[in-house]
Amino acid sequence: MKLSNISLLALFLAAALIPAACSDDSTTQSDTRDPSIADVVVDDDEFSTLLNALQSTGLDGVLDEDGDYTVFAPTDKAFEALPEGTLESLSSDQLEEILLYHVLGNEVFSGQLDAEQSVETLSEEDIFIVAGGSGVTVNGTASVTSADIEARNGVIHVIDNVILPDAYGTIVDNAVKRYFLSSLVEAVIDADLAETLSGDGPFTVFAPTNEAFAEIEDVAAGLSVEELTEVLLYHAVDAQVFSSDLQPTQEVTTLSGESITVEVADGAATINGSSNISTVDIEGVNGVIHIIDEVLLP
């Protein structure tokens, strides 16, 4: 059976319209898709320094891809607060490491945060988050000023300070960022030792946790400033000592002038026979921290 002229005309028009319709649909989907994290950074003027850093390392392309990321995004003012010349002194690899330290490999909204937690970043190093009635802080120094900015491939939390991996911080910096060392930090400040332990060093500090300080709360309350200073100096060594440097048994002279006894057996290290070293080799620019579970008393 032959098609009529009208049928042929209808088929011709339909064939001509189909490609155009597909093209319009594709354009509409592209134009209306949700922005990526990279798009959000591009479109916001307060992220111009962050954008330049991402582009110079190629990480802007990563944050434009599909995924579930959480980015703690420092503003231009946050970058300006860094010591002068810091950004310019960084190699491309160092800059990439610092940027990845601001990114989590999963999507975390503010409502999902615990009161305190450590979370591994894409740099494979932890950040330390505290959430409470006064807001959210990261590493003890950066406050979240705007939370839960959603993107197609994750979420952005704006922060007012650049956060740095341990390798770029002093012993004091690296203690401040760890919420479970806040009692030690307060004691160091009270004893006016923060400037000393931020100096050139190198130092080794055996850092008691908050729980360790809680165990001697009654004793600590009765200490004078001079006695507190002596106790704290008893936790510090005027040299950089890594766990790999430890012998089965050794006497180590501390900054207080008294010695501590460090023993290693079956892969575990103790000080003075009772204080356990739970975390080792937190290395910064002026020394190393080992975390311990008991306050050492001269």
C-alpha atoms as a PDB file:
ATOM      1  CA  MET A   1       0.000   0.000   0.000  1.00  0.00           C
ATOM      2  CA  LYS A   2       1.359   3.409  -1.020  1.00  0.00           C
ATOM      3  CA  LEU A   3       1.533   6.263   1.482  1.00  0.00           C
ATOM      4  CA  SER A   4      -0.449   9.362   0.639  1.00  0.00           C
ATOM      5  CA  ASN A   5       1.316  12.674   0.097  1.00  0.00           C
ATOM      6  CA  ILE A   6      -0.041  13.885   3.452  1.00  0.00           C
ATOM      7  CA  SER A   7       1.464  10.868   5.280  1.00  0.00           C
ATOM      8  CA  LEU A   8       4.834  11.410   3.621  1.00  0.00           C
ATOM      9  CA  LEU A   9       4.807  15.057   4.653  1.00  0.00           C
ATOM     10  CA  ALA A  10       3.967  14.141   8.254  1.00  0.00           C
ATOM     11  CA  LEU A  11       6.828  11.631   8.449  1.00  0.00           C
ATOM     12  CA  PHE A  12       9.266  14.157   7.021  1.00  0.00           C
ATOM     13  CA  LEU A  13       8.281  16.819   9.565  1.00  0.00           C
ATOM     14  CA  ALA A  14       8.511  14.355  12.476  1.00  0.00           C
ATOM     15  CA  ALA A  15      11.996  13.254  11.435  1.00  0.00           C
ATOM     16  CA  ALA A  16      13.127  16.861  11.147  1.00  0.00           C
ATOM     17  CA  LEU A  17      11.802  17.794  14.588  1.00  0.00           C
ATOM     18  CA  ILE A  18      13.215  14.858  16.591  1.00  0.00           C
ATOM     19  CA  PRO A  19      16.912  15.984  16.561  1.00  0.00           C
ATOM     20  CA  ALA A  20      15.904  19.522  17.484  1.00  0.00           C
ATOM     21  CA  ALA A  21      13.804  18.267  20.386  1.00  0.00           C
ATOM     22  CA  CYS A  22      16.683  16.130  21.701  1.00  0.00           C
ATOM     23  CA  SER A  23      19.066  19.057  21.392  1.00  0.00           C
ATOM     24  CA  ASP A  24      16.715  21.348  23.369  1.00  0.00           C
ATOM     25  CA  ASP A  25      16.330  18.762  26.152  1.00  0.00           C
ATOM     26  CA  SER A  26      20.103  18.371  26.448  1.00  0.00           C
ATOM     27  CA  THR A  27      20.644  22.116  26.668  1.00  0.00           C
ATOM     28  CA  THR A  28      17.930  22.463  29.286  1.00  0.00           C
ATOM     29  CA  GLN A  29      19.446  19.704  31.456  1.00  0.00           C
ATOM     30  CA  SER A  30      22.929  21.241  31.202  1.00  0.00           C
ATOM     31  CA  ASP A  31      21.712  24.744  32.008  1.00  0.00           C
ATOM     32  CA  THR A  32      19.647  23.722  35.020  1.00  0.00           C
ATOM     33  CA  ARG A  33      21.938  21.127  36.621  1.00  0.00           C
ATOM     34  CA  ASP A  34      22.936  21.842  40.237  1.00  0.00           C
ATOM     35  CA  PRO A  35      26.303  23.580  40.601  1.00  0.00           C
ATOM     36  CA  SER A  36      29.320  21.588  41.720  1.00  0.00           C
ATOM     37  CA  ILE A  37      31.517  22.597  44.662  1.00  0.00           C
ATOM     38  CA  ALA A  38      33.952  24.070  42.134  1.00  0.00           C
ATOM     39  CA  ASP A  39      31.110  26.120  40.596  1.00  0.00           C
ATOM     40  CA  VAL A  40      30.152  27.516  44.003  1.00  0.00           C
ATOM     41  CA  VAL A  41      33.755  28.576  44.646  1.00  0.00           C
ATOM     42  CA  VAL A  42      33.978  30.212  41.215  1.00  0.00           C
ATOM     43  CA  ASP A  43      30.762  32.162  41.724  1.00  0.00           C
ATOM     44  CA  ASP A  44      31.554  33.531  45.198  1.00  0.00           C
ATOM     45  CA  ASP A  45      33.918  36.528  45.386  1.00  0.00           C
ATOM     46  CA  GLU A  46      35.052  35.711  48.942  1.00  0.00           C
ATOM     47  CA  PHE A  47      36.749  32.542  47.634  1.00  0.00           C
ATOM     48  CA  SER A  48      39.067  34.123  45.043  1.00  0.00           C
ATOM     49  CA  THR A  49      42.269  33.030  46.821  1.00  0.00           C
ATOM     50  CA  LEU A  50      40.896  29.537  47.354  1.00  0.00           C
ATOM     51  CA  LEU A  51      39.916  29.393  43.686  1.00  0.00           C
ATOM     52  CA  ASN A  52      43.414  30.413  42.547  1.00  0.00           C
ATOM     53  CA  ALA A  53      44.941  27.751  44.804  1.00  0.00           C
ATOM     54  CA  LEU A  54      42.584  25.060  43.512  1.00  0.00           C
ATOM     55  CA  GLN A  55      43.262  26.003  39.907  1.00  0.00           C
ATOM     56  CA  SER A  56      47.036  26.079  40.370  1.00  0.00           C
ATOM     57  CA  THR A  57      47.002  22.514  41.744  1.00  0.00           C
ATOM     58  CA  GLY A  58      44.326  21.147  39.408  1.00  0.00           C
ATOM     59  CA  LEU A  59      42.010  20.351  42.325  1.00  0.00           C
ATOM     60  CA  ASP A  60      39.261  22.530  40.883  1.00  0.00           C
ATOM     61  CA  GLY A  61      38.701  19.740  38.346  1.00  0.00           C
ATOM     62  CA  VAL A  62      38.401  17.161  41.137  1.00  0.00           C
ATOM     63  CA  LEU A  63      35.780  19.255  42.946  1.00  0.00           C
ATOM     64  CA  ASP A  64      33.807  19.550  39.709  1.00  0.00           C
ATOM     65  CA  GLU A  65      33.511  15.780  39.330  1.00  0.00           C
ATOM     66  CA  ASP A  66      30.787  13.553  40.732  1.00  0.00           C
ATOM     67  CA  GLY A  67      31.292  12.536  44.335  1.00  0.00           C
ATOM     68  CA  ASP A  68      30.307  13.215  47.916  1.00  0.00           C
ATOM     69  CA  TYR A  69      32.742  15.725  49.368  1.00  0.00           C
ATOM     70  CA  THR A  70      32.744  18.019  52.364  1.00  0.00           C
ATOM     71  CA  VAL A  71      34.880  21.136  51.952  1.00  0.00           C
ATOM     72  CA  PHE A  72      35.862  23.458  54.784  1.00  0.00           C
ATOM     73  CA  ALA A  73      36.379  26.532  52.624  1.00  0.00           C
ATOM     74  CA  PRO A  74      38.587  29.381  53.910  1.00  0.00           C
ATOM     75  CA  THR A  75      37.627  32.875  52.810  1.00  0.00           C
ATOM     76  CA  ASP A  76      40.008  35.429  51.336  1.00  0.00           C
ATOM     77  CA  LYS A  77      40.296  37.022  54.800  1.00  0.00           C
ATOM     78  CA  ALA A  78      41.280  33.633  56.223  1.00  0.00           C
ATOM     79  CA  PHE A  79      44.149  33.381  53.737  1.00  0.00           C
ATOM     80  CA  GLU A  80      45.155  36.977  54.464  1.00  0.00           C
ATOM     81  CA  ALA A  81      45.534  36.078  58.153  1.00  0.00           C
ATOM     82  CA  LEU A  82      48.365  33.638  57.333  1.00  0.00           C
ATOM     83  CA  PRO A  83      51.879  34.926  58.036  1.00  0.00           C
ATOM     84  CA  GLU A  84      53.109  37.060  55.166  1.00  0.00           C
ATOM     85  CA  GLY A  85      54.728  35.042  52.402  1.00  0.00           C
ATOM     86  CA  THR A  86      53.306  31.696  53.542  1.00  0.00           C
ATOM     87  CA  LEU A  87      51.433  30.908  50.318  1.00  0.00           C
ATOM     88  CA  GLU A  88      54.269  32.081  48.130  1.00  0.00           C
ATOM     89  CA  SER A  89      56.739  29.836  49.968  1.00  0.00           C
ATOM     90  CA  LEU A  90      54.774  26.642  49.329  1.00  0.00           C
ATOM     91  CA  SER A  91      55.611  24.182  46.597  1.00  0.00           C
ATOM     92  CA  SER A  92      52.760  22.872  44.458  1.00  0.00           C
ATOM     93  CA  ASP A  93      52.814  19.580  46.388  1.00  0.00           C
ATOM     94  CA  GLN A  94      52.663  21.380  49.743  1.00  0.00           C
ATOM     95  CA  LEU A  95      49.788  23.571  48.589  1.00  0.00           C
ATOM     96  CA  GLU A  96      47.904  20.509  47.360  1.00  0.00           C
ATOM     97  CA  GLU A  97      48.471  18.779  50.719  1.00  0.00           C
ATOM     98  CA  ILE A  98      47.063  21.775  52.599  1.00  0.00           C
ATOM     99  CA  LEU A  99      44.036  22.041  50.304  1.00  0.00           C
ATOM    100  CA  LEU A 100      43.269  18.313  50.628  1.00  0.00           C
ATOM    101  CA  TYR A 101      43.464  18.779  54.414  1.00  0.00           C
ATOM    102  CA  HIS A 102      40.302  20.894  54.038  1.00  0.00           C
ATOM    103  CA  VAL A 103      38.343  18.155  52.221  1.00  0.00           C
ATOM    104  CA  LEU A 104      36.531  15.058  53.481  1.00  0.00           C
ATOM    105  CA  GLY A 105      35.766  12.132  51.205  1.00  0.00           C
ATOM    106  CA  ASN A 106      32.138  11.986  52.295  1.00  0.00           C
ATOM    107  CA  GLU A 107      29.252  14.397  52.751  1.00  0.00           C
ATOM    108  CA  VAL A 108      28.812  15.684  56.324  1.00  0.00           C
ATOM    109  CA  PHE A 109      26.170  18.258  57.240  1.00  0.00           C
ATOM    110  CA  SER A 110      26.314  20.285  60.448  1.00  0.00           C
ATOM    111  CA  GLY A 111      23.382  18.369  61.931  1.00  0.00           C
ATOM    112  CA  GLN A 112      25.372  15.128  61.682  1.00  0.00           C
ATOM    113  CA  LEU A 113      28.258  16.325  63.858  1.00  0.00           C
ATOM    114  CA  ASP A 114      29.044  14.899  67.275  1.00  0.00           C
ATOM    115  CA  ALA A 115      30.093  17.188  70.113  1.00  0.00           C
ATOM    116  CA  GLU A 116      33.706  16.160  69.478  1.00  0.00           C
ATOM    117  CA  GLN A 117      35.241  14.088  66.720  1.00  0.00           C
ATOM    118  CA  SER A 118      38.360  13.560  64.661  1.00  0.00           C
ATOM    119  CA  VAL A 119      37.825  12.952  60.945  1.00  0.00           C
ATOM    120  CA  GLU A 120      40.287  11.819  58.284  1.00  0.00           C
ATOM    121  CA  THR A 121      40.688  14.183  55.339  1.00  0.00           C
ATOM    122  CA  LEU A 122      41.770  13.516  51.762  1.00  0.00           C
ATOM    123  CA  SER A 123      45.336  14.325  52.866  1.00  0.00           C
ATOM    124  CA  GLU A 124      45.065  11.187  55.052  1.00  0.00           C
ATOM    125  CA  GLU A 125      45.506  13.277  58.219  1.00  0.00           C
ATOM    126  CA  ASP A 126      42.836  14.003  60.819  1.00  0.00           C
ATOM    127  CA  ILE A 127      41.111  17.260  61.569  1.00  0.00           C
ATOM    128  CA  PHE A 128      39.466  17.851  64.950  1.00  0.00           C
ATOM    129  CA  ILE A 129      35.909  19.187  65.124  1.00  0.00           C
ATOM    130  CA  VAL A 130      34.021  20.523  68.146  1.00  0.00           C
ATOM    131  CA  ALA A 131      30.298  21.319  67.815  1.00  0.00           C
ATOM    132  CA  GLY A 132      28.258  22.998  70.527  1.00  0.00           C
ATOM    133  CA  GLY A 133      25.885  25.785  71.376  1.00  0.00           C
ATOM    134  CA  SER A 134      28.451  28.413  70.433  1.00  0.00           C
ATOM    135  CA  GLY A 135      28.989  26.942  66.968  1.00  0.00           C
ATOM    136  CA  VAL A 136      31.425  24.648  65.217  1.00  0.00           C
ATOM    137  CA  THR A 137      35.209  24.944  65.348  1.00  0.00           C
ATOM    138  CA  VAL A 138      37.839  23.040  63.397  1.00  0.00           C
ATOM    139  CA  ASN A 139      41.291  22.405  64.887  1.00  0.00           C
ATOM    140  CA  GLY A 140      40.552  24.793  67.730  1.00  0.00           C
ATOM    141  CA  THR A 141      41.121  27.930  65.672  1.00  0.00           C
ATOM    142  CA  ALA A 142      38.798  27.961  62.634  1.00  0.00           C
ATOM    143  CA  SER A 143      35.115  28.769  63.176  1.00  0.00           C
ATOM    144  CA  VAL A 144      32.418  27.722  60.727  1.00  0.00           C
ATOM    145  CA  THR A 145      30.773  31.009  59.708  1.00  0.00           C
ATOM    146  CA  SER A 146      28.325  29.548  57.189  1.00  0.00           C
ATOM    147  CA  ALA A 147      27.304  25.880  57.108  1.00  0.00           C
ATOM    148  CA  ASP A 148      25.582  23.436  54.784  1.00  0.00           C
ATOM    149  CA  ILE A 149      26.006  25.116  51.399  1.00  0.00           C
ATOM    150  CA  GLU A 150      24.794  22.276  49.208  1.00  0.00           C
ATOM    151  CA  ALA A 151      26.262  21.410  45.823  1.00  0.00           C
ATOM    152  CA  ARG A 152      25.718  18.629  43.315  1.00  0.00           C
ATOM    153  CA  ASN A 153      28.723  16.704  44.589  1.00  0.00           C
ATOM    154  CA  GLY A 154      28.812  17.579  48.275  1.00  0.00           C
ATOM    155  CA  VAL A 155      28.576  20.348  50.837  1.00  0.00           C
ATOM    156  CA  ILE A 156      30.623  23.417  51.795  1.00  0.00           C
ATOM    157  CA  HIS A 157      31.194  24.856  55.264  1.00  0.00           C
ATOM    158  CA  VAL A 158      32.824  28.311  55.231  1.00  0.00           C
ATOM    159  CA  ILE A 159      35.613  28.828  57.791  1.00  0.00           C
ATOM    160  CA  ASP A 160      37.437  31.947  58.965  1.00  0.00           C
ATOM    161  CA  ASN A 161      40.939  30.472  59.282  1.00  0.00           C
ATOM    162  CA  VAL A 162      43.113  28.261  57.115  1.00  0.00           C
ATOM    163  CA  ILE A 163      43.774  24.936  58.861  1.00  0.00           C
ATOM    164  CA  LEU A 164      47.206  23.366  58.530  1.00  0.00           C
ATOM    165  CA  PRO A 165      48.496  19.784  58.815  1.00  0.00           C
ATOM    166  CA  ASP A 166      50.747  18.945  61.770  1.00  0.00           C
ATOM    167  CA  ALA A 167      53.925  19.376  59.718  1.00  0.00           C
ATOM    168  CA  TYR A 168      53.253  23.127  59.449  1.00  0.00           C
ATOM    169  CA  GLY A 169      52.476  23.758  63.121  1.00  0.00           C
ATOM    170  CA  THR A 170      54.484  24.166  66.309  1.00  0.00           C
ATOM    171  CA  ILE A 171      54.088  21.856  69.290  1.00  0.00           C
ATOM    172  CA  VAL A 172      51.627  24.366  70.744  1.00  0.00           C
ATOM    173  CA  ASP A 173      49.655  24.585  67.487  1.00  0.00           C
ATOM    174  CA  ASN A 174      49.382  20.815  67.280  1.00  0.00           C
ATOM    175  CA  ALA A 175      48.236  20.547  70.894  1.00  0.00           C
ATOM    176  CA  VAL A 176      45.655  23.336  70.494  1.00  0.00           C
ATOM    177  CA  LYS A 177      43.965  21.609  67.552  1.00  0.00           C
ATOM    178  CA  ARG A 178      43.389  18.407  69.572  1.00  0.00           C
ATOM    179  CA  TYR A 179      40.374  18.960  71.835  1.00  0.00           C
ATOM    180  CA  PHE A 180      41.441  16.087  74.103  1.00  0.00           C
ATOM    181  CA  LEU A 181      44.600  18.043  75.043  1.00  0.00           C
ATOM    182  CA  SER A 182      42.766  21.216  76.119  1.00  0.00           C
ATOM    183  CA  SER A 183      43.680  20.780  79.804  1.00  0.00           C
ATOM    184  CA  LEU A 184      47.358  20.622  78.869  1.00  0.00           C
ATOM    185  CA  VAL A 185      47.025  23.721  76.687  1.00  0.00           C
ATOM    186  CA  GLU A 186      45.354  25.640  79.530  1.00  0.00           C
ATOM    187  CA  ALA A 187      48.132  24.593  81.914  1.00  0.00           C
ATOM    188  CA  VAL A 188      50.845  25.644  79.443  1.00  0.00           C
ATOM    189  CA  ILE A 189      49.203  29.050  79.085  1.00  0.00           C
ATOM    190  CA  ASP A 190      48.815  29.437  82.870  1.00  0.00           C
ATOM    191  CA  ALA A 191      52.509  28.594  83.340  1.00  0.00           C
ATOM    192  CA  ASP A 192      53.493  31.050  80.591  1.00  0.00           C
ATOM    193  CA  LEU A 193      55.229  28.318  78.588  1.00  0.00           C
ATOM    194  CA  ALA A 194      53.375  28.720  75.277  1.00  0.00           C
ATOM    195  CA  GLU A 195      56.003  31.039  73.834  1.00  0.00           C
ATOM    196  CA  THR A 196      58.824  28.708  74.905  1.00  0.00           C
ATOM    197  CA  LEU A 197      57.209  25.645  73.317  1.00  0.00           C
ATOM    198  CA  SER A 198      56.497  27.638  70.156  1.00  0.00           C
ATOM    199  CA  GLY A 199      60.182  28.512  69.840  1.00  0.00           C
ATOM    200  CA  ASP A 200      62.859  26.987  67.665  1.00  0.00           C
ATOM    201  CA  GLY A 201      63.364  23.812  69.685  1.00  0.00           C
ATOM    202  CA  PRO A 202      63.538  21.032  68.821  1.00  0.00           C
ATOM    203  CA  PHE A 203      61.467  19.635  71.690  1.00  0.00           C
ATOM    204  CA  THR A 204      59.805  16.379  72.594  1.00  0.00           C
ATOM    205  CA  VAL A 205      56.643  16.699  74.674  1.00  0.00           C
ATOM    206  CA  PHE A 206      54.883  13.841  76.433  1.00  0.00           C
ATOM    207  CA  ALA A 207      51.334  15.224  76.386  1.00  0.00           C
ATOM    208  CA  PRO A 208      48.782  14.019  78.983  1.00  0.00           C
ATOM    209  CA  THR A 209      45.142  13.866  77.895  1.00  0.00           C
ATOM    210  CA  ASN A 210      42.250  15.648  79.563  1.00  0.00           C
ATOM    211  CA  GLU A 211      41.363  12.387  81.310  1.00  0.00           C
ATOM    212  CA  ALA A 212      44.885  12.179  82.706  1.00  0.00           C
ATOM    213  CA  PHE A 213      44.588  15.674  84.167  1.00  0.00           C
ATOM    214  CA  ALA A 214      41.171  14.815  85.598  1.00  0.00           C
ATOM    215  CA  GLU A 215      42.800  11.989  87.563  1.00  0.00           C
ATOM    216  CA  ILE A 216      44.995  14.493  89.464  1.00  0.00           C
ATOM    217  CA  GLU A 217      42.436  17.289  89.651  1.00  0.00           C
ATOM    218  CA  ASP A 218      42.790  17.659  93.427  1.00  0.00           C
ATOM    219  CA  VAL A 219      46.583  17.786  93.221  1.00  0.00           C
ATOM    220  CA  ALA A 220      46.616  20.225  90.306  1.00  0.00           C
ATOM    221  CA  ALA A 221      44.242  22.595  92.091  1.00  0.00           C
ATOM    222  CA  GLY A 222      46.760  23.084  94.893  1.00  0.00           C
ATOM    223  CA  LEU A 223      49.806  23.794  92.716  1.00  0.00           C
ATOM    224  CA  SER A 224      51.411  27.197  92.604  1.00  0.00           C
ATOM    225  CA  VAL A 225      52.419  28.611  89.221  1.00  0.00           C
ATOM    226  CA  GLU A 226      56.032  27.662  89.939  1.00  0.00           C
ATOM    227  CA  GLU A 227      55.049  24.086  90.835  1.00  0.00           C
ATOM    228  CA  LEU A 228      52.826  23.803  87.758  1.00  0.00           C
ATOM    229  CA  THR A 229      55.705  25.013  85.603  1.00  0.00           C
ATOM    230  CA  GLU A 230      57.997  22.366  87.111  1.00  0.00           C
ATOM    231  CA  VAL A 231      55.430  19.632  86.421  1.00  0.00           C
ATOM    232  CA  LEU A 232      55.003  20.722  82.797  1.00  0.00           C
ATOM    233  CA  LEU A 233      58.751  20.986  82.179  1.00  0.00           C
ATOM    234  CA  TYR A 234      59.007  17.434  83.518  1.00  0.00           C
ATOM    235  CA  HIS A 235      57.030  16.399  80.390  1.00  0.00           C
ATOM    236  CA  ALA A 236      59.395  18.065  77.913  1.00  0.00           C
ATOM    237  CA  VAL A 237      62.804  17.140  76.521  1.00  0.00           C
ATOM    238  CA  ASP A 238      65.234  19.530  74.837  1.00  0.00           C
ATOM    239  CA  ALA A 239      65.669  17.263  71.793  1.00  0.00           C
ATOM    240  CA  GLN A 240      63.524  15.596  69.138  1.00  0.00           C
ATOM    241  CA  VAL A 241      62.954  11.955  70.077  1.00  0.00           C
ATOM    242  CA  PHE A 242      60.857   9.745  67.806  1.00  0.00           C
ATOM    243  CA  SER A 243      59.466   6.355  68.783  1.00  0.00           C
ATOM    244  CA  SER A 244      62.022   4.725  66.478  1.00  0.00           C
ATOM    245  CA  ASP A 245      64.802   6.291  68.573  1.00  0.00           C
ATOM    246  CA  LEU A 246      63.708   4.575  71.796  1.00  0.00           C
ATOM    247  CA  GLN A 247      65.724   1.777  73.355  1.00  0.00           C
ATOM    248  CA  PRO A 248      64.256  -1.001  75.558  1.00  0.00           C
ATOM    249  CA  THR A 249      65.155   1.167  78.580  1.00  0.00           C
ATOM    250  CA  GLN A 250      66.549   4.698  78.851  1.00  0.00           C
ATOM    251  CA  GLU A 251      66.831   7.603  81.254  1.00  0.00           C
ATOM    252  CA  VAL A 252      65.902  10.904  79.631  1.00  0.00           C
ATOM    253  CA  THR A 253      66.652  14.290  81.199  1.00  0.00           C
ATOM    254  CA  THR A 254      63.700  16.670  80.998  1.00  0.00           C
ATOM    255  CA  LEU A 255      63.588  20.471  80.921  1.00  0.00           C
ATOM    256  CA  SER A 256      62.890  20.432  84.663  1.00  0.00           C
ATOM    257  CA  GLY A 257      66.358  18.956  85.218  1.00  0.00           C
ATOM    258  CA  GLU A 258      64.942  15.652  86.457  1.00  0.00           C
ATOM    259  CA  SER A 259      64.982  12.405  84.499  1.00  0.00           C
ATOM    260  CA  ILE A 260      62.159  10.150  83.372  1.00  0.00           C
ATOM    261  CA  THR A 261      62.490   6.440  82.612  1.00  0.00           C
ATOM    262  CA  VAL A 262      61.167   5.292  79.241  1.00  0.00           C
ATOM    263  CA  GLU A 263      60.744   1.571  78.623  1.00  0.00           C
ATOM    264  CA  VAL A 264      59.690  -0.254  75.460  1.00  0.00           C
ATOM    265  CA  ALA A 265      58.460  -3.847  75.463  1.00  0.00           C
ATOM    266  CA  ASP A 266      56.312  -5.794  72.983  1.00  0.00           C
ATOM    267  CA  GLY A 267      55.722  -2.686  70.892  1.00  0.00           C
ATOM    268  CA  ALA A 268      54.346  -0.656  73.824  1.00  0.00           C
ATOM    269  CA  ALA A 269      56.108   2.223  75.593  1.00  0.00           C
ATOM    270  CA  THR A 270      55.688   3.386  79.192  1.00  0.00           C
ATOM    271  CA  ILE A 271      57.125   6.252  81.218  1.00  0.00           C
ATOM    272  CA  ASN A 272      58.104   5.871  84.854  1.00  0.00           C
ATOM    273  CA  GLY A 273      56.561   2.430  84.845  1.00  0.00           C
ATOM    274  CA  SER A 274      52.929   3.510  84.681  1.00  0.00           C
ATOM    275  CA  SER A 275      52.147   6.155  82.059  1.00  0.00           C
ATOM    276  CA  ASN A 276      51.387   4.596  78.681  1.00  0.00           C
ATOM    277  CA  ILE A 277      52.252   6.270  75.394  1.00  0.00           C
ATOM    278  CA  SER A 278      49.057   5.927  73.355  1.00  0.00           C
ATOM    279  CA  THR A 279      49.969   7.940  70.236  1.00  0.00           C
ATOM    280  CA  VAL A 280      53.461   8.605  68.952  1.00  0.00           C
ATOM    281  CA  ASP A 281      55.338  10.877  66.566  1.00  0.00           C
ATOM    282  CA  ILE A 282      53.047  13.877  66.047  1.00  0.00           C
ATOM    283  CA  GLU A 283      55.697  15.889  64.250  1.00  0.00           C
ATOM    284  CA  GLY A 284      55.649  19.667  63.843  1.00  0.00           C
ATOM    285  CA  VAL A 285      58.100  22.354  62.797  1.00  0.00           C
ATOM    286  CA  ASN A 286      59.826  22.522  66.192  1.00  0.00           C
ATOM    287  CA  GLY A 287      59.513  19.035  67.604  1.00  0.00           C
ATOM    288  CA  VAL A 288      57.355  16.024  68.286  1.00  0.00           C
ATOM    289  CA  ILE A 289      54.464  15.126  70.605  1.00  0.00           C
ATOM    290  CA  HIS A 290      53.753  11.724  72.152  1.00  0.00           C
ATOM    291  CA  ILE A 291      50.362  11.440  73.875  1.00  0.00           C
ATOM    292  CA  ILE A 292      50.291   9.757  77.288  1.00  0.00           C
ATOM    293  CA  ASP A 293      47.493   8.627  79.605  1.00  0.00           C
ATOM    294  CA  GLU A 294      48.913   9.784  82.946  1.00  0.00           C
ATOM    295  CA  VAL A 295      50.354  13.056  84.229  1.00  0.00           C
ATOM    296  CA  LEU A 296      54.000  12.663  85.242  1.00  0.00           C
ATOM    297  CA  LEU A 297      54.850  14.086  88.659  1.00  0.00           C
ATOM    298  CA  PRO A 298      58.438  14.918  89.678  1.00  0.00           C
END
